[in-house]
C-alpha atoms as a PDB file:
ATOM      1  CA  MET A   1      -2.705  -2.245  -1.165  1.00  0.00           C
ATOM      2  CA  TRP A   2      -5.058   0.720  -0.243  1.00  0.00           C
ATOM      3  CA  ASN A   3      -6.968   1.283  -3.594  1.00  0.00           C
ATOM      4  CA  PRO A   4     -10.023   0.782  -5.352  1.00  0.00           C
ATOM      5  CA  LEU A   5      -7.871  -0.948  -8.036  1.00  0.00           C
ATOM      6  CA  SER A   6      -6.417  -3.694  -4.943  1.00  0.00           C
ATOM      7  CA  TRP A   7      -9.640  -4.173  -3.596  1.00  0.00           C
ATOM      8  CA  VAL A   8     -11.345  -5.493  -6.811  1.00  0.00           C
ATOM      9  CA  MET A   9      -8.813  -7.550  -7.737  1.00  0.00           C
ATOM     10  CA  GLU A  10      -8.841  -9.136  -4.030  1.00  0.00           C
ATOM     11  CA  ALA A  11     -12.093  -9.839  -3.962  1.00  0.00           C
ATOM     12  CA  ALA A  12     -11.211 -11.542  -7.860  1.00  0.00           C
ATOM     13  CA  ALA A  13      -8.553 -13.184  -6.024  1.00  0.00           C
ATOM     14  CA  VAL A  14     -11.031 -14.779  -2.862  1.00  0.00           C
ATOM     15  CA  MET A  15     -13.597 -15.407  -5.785  1.00  0.00           C
ATOM     16  CA  ALA A  16     -11.266 -18.005  -7.774  1.00  0.00           C
ATOM     17  CA  ILE A  17     -10.947 -19.972  -4.584  1.00  0.00           C
ATOM     18  CA  VAL A  18     -14.688 -19.865  -2.938  1.00  0.00           C
ATOM     19  CA  LEU A  19     -16.196 -20.275  -5.735  1.00  0.00           C
ATOM     20  CA  ALA A  20     -15.819 -23.365  -8.074  1.00  0.00           C
ATOM     21  CA  ASN A  21     -15.652 -23.586 -11.985  1.00  0.00           C
ATOM     22  CA  GLY A  22     -19.233 -26.037 -12.314  1.00  0.00           C
ATOM     23  CA  GLY A  23     -19.587 -29.728 -13.532  1.00  0.00           C
ATOM     24  CA  GLY A  24     -17.483 -30.799 -10.230  1.00  0.00           C
ATOM     25  CA  GLU A  25     -14.541 -28.813 -10.332  1.00  0.00           C
ATOM     26  CA  GLY A  26     -12.318 -27.321  -7.797  1.00  0.00           C
ATOM     27  CA  PRO A  27     -11.601 -24.055  -6.674  1.00  0.00           C
ATOM     28  CA  ASP A  28      -9.372 -22.317 -10.007  1.00  0.00           C
ATOM     29  CA  TRP A  29      -5.413 -21.912  -8.655  1.00  0.00           C
ATOM     30  CA  GLN A  30      -4.135 -21.042 -11.912  1.00  0.00           C
ATOM     31  CA  ASP A  31      -6.192 -17.725 -11.376  1.00  0.00           C
ATOM     32  CA  PHE A  32      -5.786 -17.532  -7.978  1.00  0.00           C
ATOM     33  CA  VAL A  33      -2.132 -17.396  -8.776  1.00  0.00           C
ATOM     34  CA  GLY A  34      -1.878 -15.238 -11.394  1.00  0.00           C
ATOM     35  CA  ILE A  35      -3.791 -12.700  -9.330  1.00  0.00           C
ATOM     36  CA  ILE A  36      -2.207 -12.853  -6.930  1.00  0.00           C
ATOM     37  CA  CYS A  37       0.994 -12.307  -8.792  1.00  0.00           C
ATOM     38  CA  LEU A  38      -0.221  -9.223  -9.978  1.00  0.00           C
ATOM     39  CA  LEU A  39      -1.433  -7.555  -6.762  1.00  0.00           C
ATOM     40  CA  ILE A  40       2.156  -8.562  -5.742  1.00  0.00           C
ATOM     41  CA  ILE A  41       3.856  -6.729  -8.555  1.00  0.00           C
ATOM     42  CA  ASN A  42       1.215  -3.633  -8.356  1.00  0.00           C
ATOM     43  CA  SER A  43       1.866  -2.742  -5.032  1.00  0.00           C
ATOM     44  CA  THR A  44       6.490  -3.477  -5.700  1.00  0.00           C
ATOM     45  CA  ILE A  45       5.541  -0.955  -8.306  1.00  0.00           C
ATOM     46  CA  SER A  46       3.363   1.110  -6.075  1.00  0.00           C
ATOM     47  CA  PHE A  47       6.162   1.169  -2.883  1.00  0.00           C
ATOM     48  CA  ILE A  48       9.268   2.011  -5.662  1.00  0.00           C
ATOM     49  CA  GLU A  49       7.375   5.306  -7.129  1.00  0.00           C
ATOM     50  CA  GLU A  50       6.533   6.206  -3.399  1.00  0.00           C
ATOM     51  CA  ASN A  51       9.216   5.838  -2.264  1.00  0.00           C
ATOM     52  CA  ASN A  52      11.486   8.285  -5.437  1.00  0.00           C
ATOM     53  CA  ALA A  53       8.983  10.635  -4.924  1.00  0.00           C
ATOM     54  CA  GLY A  54       9.310  11.393  -1.197  1.00  0.00           C
ATOM     55  CA  ASN A  55      13.212  11.142  -2.094  1.00  0.00           C
ATOM     56  CA  ALA A  56      12.520  13.860  -4.208  1.00  0.00           C
ATOM     57  CA  ALA A  57      10.658  16.373  -2.595  1.00  0.00           C
ATOM     58  CA  ALA A  58      13.152  15.549   0.256  1.00  0.00           C
ATOM     59  CA  ALA A  59      16.121  17.227  -2.235  1.00  0.00           C
ATOM     60  CA  LEU A  60      13.467  19.567  -3.661  1.00  0.00           C
ATOM     61  CA  MET A  61      13.426  20.775  -0.093  1.00  0.00           C
ATOM     62  CA  ALA A  62      16.595  20.572   0.743  1.00  0.00           C
ATOM     63  CA  ARG A  63      17.736  22.486  -2.386  1.00  0.00           C
ATOM     64  CA  LEU A  64      15.321  25.536  -1.448  1.00  0.00           C
ATOM     65  CA  ALA A  65      16.365  25.231   1.745  1.00  0.00           C
ATOM     66  CA  PRO A  66      16.824  29.429   3.106  1.00  0.00           C
ATOM     67  CA  LYS A  67      20.730  30.790   2.273  1.00  0.00           C
ATOM     68  CA  THR A  68      21.770  33.943   3.559  1.00  0.00           C
ATOM     69  CA  LYS A  69      24.937  36.590   2.957  1.00  0.00           C
ATOM     70  CA  VAL A  70      26.084  36.528   6.934  1.00  0.00           C
ATOM     71  CA  LEU A  71      29.743  38.312   8.221  1.00  0.00           C
ATOM     72  CA  ARG A  72      31.040  36.510  10.164  1.00  0.00           C
ATOM     73  CA  ASP A  73      35.030  36.430  11.162  1.00  0.00           C
ATOM     74  CA  GLY A  74      35.723  39.521   8.670  1.00  0.00           C
ATOM     75  CA  GLN A  75      34.502  37.246   5.971  1.00  0.00           C
ATOM     76  CA  TRP A  76      30.595  36.995   3.975  1.00  0.00           C
ATOM     77  CA  GLN A  77      29.318  33.509   3.836  1.00  0.00           C
ATOM     78  CA  GLU A  78      26.666  31.566   2.432  1.00  0.00           C
ATOM     79  CA  THR A  79      25.148  29.899   5.715  1.00  0.00           C
ATOM     80  CA  ASP A  80      21.337  28.548   6.053  1.00  0.00           C
ATOM     81  CA  ALA A  81      19.277  31.125   6.976  1.00  0.00           C
ATOM     82  CA  ALA A  82      18.801  28.801  10.640  1.00  0.00           C
ATOM     83  CA  ILE A  83      21.707  29.127  11.882  1.00  0.00           C
ATOM     84  CA  LEU A  84      21.911  32.933  12.309  1.00  0.00           C
ATOM     85  CA  VAL A  85      22.777  34.107  15.687  1.00  0.00           C
ATOM     86  CA  LEU A  86      21.826  37.342  17.146  1.00  0.00           C
ATOM     87  CA  GLY A  87      24.869  40.588  16.570  1.00  0.00           C
ATOM     88  CA  ASP A  88      25.343  38.161  12.618  1.00  0.00           C
ATOM     89  CA  ILE A  89      25.282  41.057   9.878  1.00  0.00           C
ATOM     90  CA  ILE A  90      23.359  39.975   6.752  1.00  0.00           C
ATOM     91  CA  SER A  91      23.780  40.929   3.188  1.00  0.00           C
ATOM     92  CA  ILE A  92      20.705  41.370   1.716  1.00  0.00           C
ATOM     93  CA  LYS A  93      19.341  41.994  -2.767  1.00  0.00           C
ATOM     94  CA  LEU A  94      16.111  42.559  -4.394  1.00  0.00           C
ATOM     95  CA  GLY A  95      14.239  39.893  -3.948  1.00  0.00           C
ATOM     96  CA  ASP A  96      15.410  37.788  -0.254  1.00  0.00           C
ATOM     97  CA  ILE A  97      13.201  37.096   2.112  1.00  0.00           C
ATOM     98  CA  ILE A  98      15.471  37.840   5.402  1.00  0.00           C
ATOM     99  CA  PRO A  99      14.345  37.137   9.393  1.00  0.00           C
ATOM    100  CA  ALA A 100      11.723  39.908  11.008  1.00  0.00           C
ATOM    101  CA  ASP A 101      13.779  40.568  13.565  1.00  0.00           C
ATOM    102  CA  ALA A 102      16.876  42.122  11.022  1.00  0.00           C
ATOM    103  CA  ARG A 103      17.333  45.767  11.073  1.00  0.00           C
ATOM    104  CA  LEU A 104      19.046  47.882   8.382  1.00  0.00           C
ATOM    105  CA  LEU A 105      22.262  49.544   8.892  1.00  0.00           C
ATOM    106  CA  GLU A 106      22.763  51.073   6.213  1.00  0.00           C
ATOM    107  CA  GLY A 107      21.384  51.527   2.711  1.00  0.00           C
ATOM    108  CA  ASP A 108      18.670  52.581   1.131  1.00  0.00           C
ATOM    109  CA  PRO A 109      15.090  52.793   1.985  1.00  0.00           C
ATOM    110  CA  LEU A 110      13.146  49.088   2.151  1.00  0.00           C
ATOM    111  CA  LYS A 111      10.228  48.537   0.081  1.00  0.00           C
ATOM    112  CA  ILE A 112       8.587  45.002   1.750  1.00  0.00           C
ATOM    113  CA  ASP A 113       6.249  42.641   1.134  1.00  0.00           C
ATOM    114  CA  GLN A 114       4.462  41.242   4.788  1.00  0.00           C
ATOM    115  CA  ALA A 115       2.006  38.771   2.593  1.00  0.00           C
ATOM    116  CA  SER A 116       3.862  36.057   3.790  1.00  0.00           C
ATOM    117  CA  ALA A 117       3.711  36.770   7.912  1.00  0.00           C
ATOM    118  CA  LEU A 118       0.425  38.527   7.660  1.00  0.00           C
ATOM    119  CA  LEU A 119      -1.282  36.507   5.213  1.00  0.00           C
ATOM    120  CA  ASP A 120      -2.815  38.901   3.145  1.00  0.00           C
ATOM    121  CA  SER A 121      -0.667  40.844   0.482  1.00  0.00           C
ATOM    122  CA  ASP A 122      -0.536  44.218   2.450  1.00  0.00           C
ATOM    123  CA  LYS A 123       3.084  46.307   0.999  1.00  0.00           C
ATOM    124  CA  SER A 124       4.788  48.144   3.848  1.00  0.00           C
ATOM    125  CA  GLN A 125       7.273  51.112   3.285  1.00  0.00           C
ATOM    126  CA  LEU A 126      10.369  50.649   6.443  1.00  0.00           C
ATOM    127  CA  ASN A 127      12.369  53.257   7.077  1.00  0.00           C
ATOM    128  CA  ASN A 128      16.266  53.065   8.821  1.00  0.00           C
END
């Protein structure tokens, strides 16, 4: 409940209790209870929306985790790029993100975009 709308509603609830309606009457309890109910509903909805957004972001991150095709035990397997070990043979295709320490064993020379590593758009030629 840390936003301007909540602050205004909290101030209104306090004013409903502190200030009398006039004419010797007591505090306005109906308005106070109504405002508190609205604050509780607002905070509940906000919590649910933030929780759903967090879950969606986590699912998206898991789905976008880099995968690679690696040769292990004589078979090609698709695994998470994070579990590659020294000596793994990987298969790459156009548009793949490859480890910085990968060596080209066979195939045509590669043209790589080092923008993500160097924070600029320099394109370099990598030869075998």
